Amino acid sequence: MKQVQDYIRTIVDFPHEGIMFRDVTTLFADPRGFRMAIDQMLHPYAGIDIDKVVGLEARGFILGGAIAHQLSVGFVPIRKKGKLPGTVISQEYKLEYGEAIVELHDDAIKPGEKVLVVDDLLATGGTAEAGIKLIERLGGEIVSCAFIIDLPELGGRKRLEALGKEVHALCAFDGL
């Protein structure tokens, strides 16, 4: 019987030499694989009070939308700078080679709302941490962070857990 990781292809040396890119588009393209991933991502939250699902750009939108639909709750995107209309709040974070900024509408999360943060991959945890900071600035309470893939060697899980956040991942891959 296939597992979620069986649907994920690895592309060697992308986007540059030495990187083993874990491509979830093959998982998304397969109806059984996609259903399995969404069902397994939902499982830890059965019976848990969640008001909003927040998806991190860009593959977190695909997952987050499906999960929000299944939970019958709202979906909120956290986007790269300049992609959201209206009034936003911003959070800068460090990348491997530089810095980036993510944004969230300033009225997307109400104080006290319970939020599930979703993305496809947890690497260093920088994007997730920036998203968490935005949500908490608006008074949201992070219930958990859910990912398809964890890359443990890059330390993202430890980074988020050091912030006191619960982390769930469906599978882990060694290496970069």
Protein backbone atom coordinates (compact mmCIF):
# COMPACT_ATOMS: atom_id res chain seq x y z
CA MET A 1 0.00 0.00 0.00
CA LYS A 2 1.38 3.39 -0.99
CA GLN A 3 2.32 5.99 1.62
CA VAL A 4 2.24 9.77 1.12
CA GLN A 5 6.00 9.90 0.53
CA ASP A 6 5.63 7.42 -2.35
CA TYR A 7 3.75 10.08 -4.33
CA ILE A 8 6.47 12.72 -3.88
CA ARG A 9 9.17 12.85 -6.52
CA THR A 10 12.71 13.98 -5.89
CA ILE A 11 14.42 16.20 -8.43
CA VAL A 12 18.19 16.11 -8.05
CA ASP A 13 20.18 19.37 -8.23
CA PHE A 14 17.16 21.70 -8.34
CA PRO A 15 17.12 24.66 -8.03
CA HIS A 16 20.89 24.30 -7.88
CA GLU A 17 23.55 21.65 -7.44
CA GLY A 18 23.45 19.71 -4.19
CA ILE A 19 19.73 20.20 -3.54
CA MET A 20 17.31 17.27 -3.52
CA PHE A 21 14.04 19.06 -4.33
CA ARG A 22 10.98 17.30 -2.90
CA ASP A 23 8.23 17.92 -5.44
CA VAL A 24 4.68 17.61 -4.08
CA THR A 25 3.03 18.43 -7.42
CA THR A 26 3.07 14.70 -8.22
CA LEU A 27 1.21 14.09 -4.94
CA PHE A 28 -1.34 16.80 -5.76
CA ALA A 29 -1.88 15.39 -9.27
CA ASP A 30 -2.83 11.94 -8.01
CA PRO A 31 -6.39 11.82 -6.61
CA ARG A 32 -5.65 9.03 -4.15
CA GLY A 33 -2.39 10.57 -3.01
CA PHE A 34 -3.94 14.01 -2.57
CA ARG A 35 -6.93 12.62 -0.66
CA MET A 36 -4.59 10.57 1.54
CA ALA A 37 -2.45 13.62 2.34
CA ILE A 38 -5.45 15.82 3.22
CA ASP A 39 -7.05 13.08 5.34
CA GLN A 40 -3.80 12.43 7.20
CA MET A 41 -3.18 16.15 7.75
CA LEU A 42 -6.69 16.47 9.20
CA HIS A 43 -6.49 13.43 11.47
CA PRO A 44 -4.62 15.03 14.44
CA TYR A 45 -7.24 17.79 14.62
CA ALA A 46 -10.40 15.69 14.88
CA GLY A 47 -12.47 17.24 17.64
CA ILE A 48 -10.11 20.21 18.06
CA ASP A 49 -11.60 23.72 17.96
CA ILE A 50 -10.18 25.52 14.90
CA ASP A 51 -11.56 28.80 13.53
CA LYS A 52 -9.24 29.45 10.58
CA VAL A 53 -6.70 27.63 8.45
CA VAL A 54 -3.78 29.77 7.31
CA GLY A 55 -1.86 28.65 4.24
CA LEU A 56 1.68 29.81 3.51
CA GLU A 57 2.46 30.80 -0.08
CA ALA A 58 2.15 29.01 -2.38
CA ARG A 59 1.56 25.28 -1.96
CA GLY A 60 0.09 25.95 1.47
CA PHE A 61 -2.83 27.55 -0.37
CA ILE A 62 -3.69 24.25 -2.07
CA LEU A 63 -3.48 22.27 1.15
CA GLY A 64 -4.99 24.94 3.36
CA GLY A 65 -8.00 25.44 1.12
CA ALA A 66 -8.77 21.71 1.08
CA ILE A 67 -8.29 21.39 4.85
CA ALA A 68 -10.41 24.48 5.59
CA HIS A 69 -13.15 23.05 3.39
CA GLN A 70 -13.08 19.73 5.25
CA LEU A 71 -13.17 21.52 8.63
CA SER A 72 -15.89 23.95 7.44
CA VAL A 73 -13.80 26.93 8.56
CA GLY A 74 -12.36 29.98 6.82
CA PHE A 75 -9.10 30.00 4.88
CA VAL A 76 -6.56 32.84 5.08
CA PRO A 77 -3.50 33.20 2.81
CA ILE A 78 -0.15 34.55 3.95
CA ARG A 79 1.46 35.97 0.82
CA LYS A 80 4.72 37.40 -0.40
CA LYS A 81 5.04 41.16 -0.17
CA GLY A 82 2.89 43.14 -2.57
CA LYS A 83 0.48 40.33 -3.50
CA LEU A 84 -2.46 41.18 -1.19
CA PRO A 85 -4.80 44.10 -1.86
CA GLY A 86 -5.96 46.28 1.01
CA THR A 87 -4.31 46.97 4.34
CA VAL A 88 -1.74 44.42 5.45
CA ILE A 89 0.75 43.76 8.20
CA SER A 90 4.24 42.58 7.23
CA GLN A 91 6.94 40.39 8.68
CA GLU A 92 10.52 40.17 7.45
CA TYR A 93 12.49 36.94 7.73
CA LYS A 94 15.82 35.55 6.63
CA LEU A 95 16.35 33.22 3.72
CA GLU A 96 19.44 31.17 2.93
CA TYR A 97 20.63 33.98 0.66
CA GLY A 98 19.01 37.21 1.81
CA GLU A 99 15.69 38.27 3.25
CA ALA A 100 12.01 38.14 2.34
CA ILE A 101 8.77 39.64 3.57
CA VAL A 102 5.36 38.00 3.98
CA GLU A 103 2.07 39.77 4.54
CA LEU A 104 -1.36 39.15 6.00
CA HIS A 105 -4.52 41.26 5.75
CA ASP A 106 -4.85 43.22 8.98
CA ASP A 107 -8.43 42.00 9.48
CA ALA A 108 -7.95 38.33 8.49
CA ILE A 109 -7.63 36.97 12.02
CA LYS A 110 -9.69 38.12 14.99
CA PRO A 111 -8.28 38.12 18.54
CA GLY A 112 -8.76 34.72 20.17
CA GLU A 113 -9.35 32.81 16.94
CA LYS A 114 -7.76 29.38 16.92
CA VAL A 115 -5.54 28.92 13.86
CA LEU A 116 -3.99 25.95 12.08
CA VAL A 117 -0.92 26.89 9.98
CA VAL A 118 -0.41 24.74 6.86
CA ASP A 119 2.32 24.35 4.25
CA ASP A 120 3.81 21.60 2.12
CA LEU A 121 7.37 21.63 3.46
CA LEU A 122 9.14 22.48 6.70
CA ALA A 123 12.81 23.27 6.07
CA THR A 124 14.44 25.98 8.22
CA GLY A 125 11.08 27.18 9.56
CA GLY A 126 11.68 30.82 8.63
CA THR A 127 8.52 31.29 6.59
CA ALA A 128 6.38 29.45 9.15
CA GLU A 129 7.84 31.51 12.00
CA ALA A 130 7.14 34.74 10.10
CA GLY A 131 3.56 33.58 9.52
CA ILE A 132 3.15 32.69 13.19
CA LYS A 133 4.35 36.15 14.20
CA LEU A 134 1.80 37.80 11.88
CA ILE A 135 -1.06 35.67 13.22
CA GLU A 136 -0.08 36.35 16.83
CA ARG A 137 0.22 40.09 16.18
CA LEU A 138 -3.47 40.01 15.27
CA GLY A 139 -4.30 38.06 18.44
CA GLY A 140 -4.71 34.64 16.83
CA GLU A 141 -3.82 31.53 18.83
CA ILE A 142 -1.83 28.89 16.95
CA VAL A 143 -3.36 25.45 17.52
CA SER A 144 -0.69 23.65 15.50
CA CYS A 145 1.45 23.70 12.37
CA ALA A 146 0.91 20.97 9.76
CA PHE A 147 3.18 20.01 6.88
CA ILE A 148 3.45 17.18 4.39
CA ILE A 149 7.26 17.04 4.51
CA ASP A 150 9.78 17.73 7.26
CA LEU A 151 13.47 18.12 6.42
CA PRO A 152 14.83 17.50 9.95
CA GLU A 153 18.45 18.34 9.12
CA LEU A 154 17.45 21.96 8.43
CA GLY A 155 16.01 22.43 11.94
CA GLY A 156 12.58 23.89 11.21
CA ARG A 157 10.70 21.60 13.58
CA LYS A 158 13.05 22.43 16.46
CA ARG A 159 12.72 26.14 15.64
CA LEU A 160 8.91 26.05 15.78
CA GLU A 161 8.84 23.81 18.84
CA ALA A 162 11.20 26.26 20.59
CA LEU A 163 8.44 28.84 20.02
CA GLY A 164 6.08 26.48 21.87
CA LYS A 165 4.26 25.35 18.72
CA GLU A 166 3.01 21.87 18.01
CA VAL A 167 4.28 20.49 14.69
CA HIS A 168 2.88 17.62 12.61
CA ALA A 169 4.44 16.32 9.40
CA LEU A 170 3.31 13.34 7.33
CA CYS A 171 6.82 12.28 6.32
CA ALA A 172 10.48 13.25 6.59
CA PHE A 173 13.33 13.14 4.11
CA ASP A 174 17.03 13.13 4.90
CA GLY A 175 19.29 15.70 3.26
CA LEU A 176 18.57 19.06 1.76
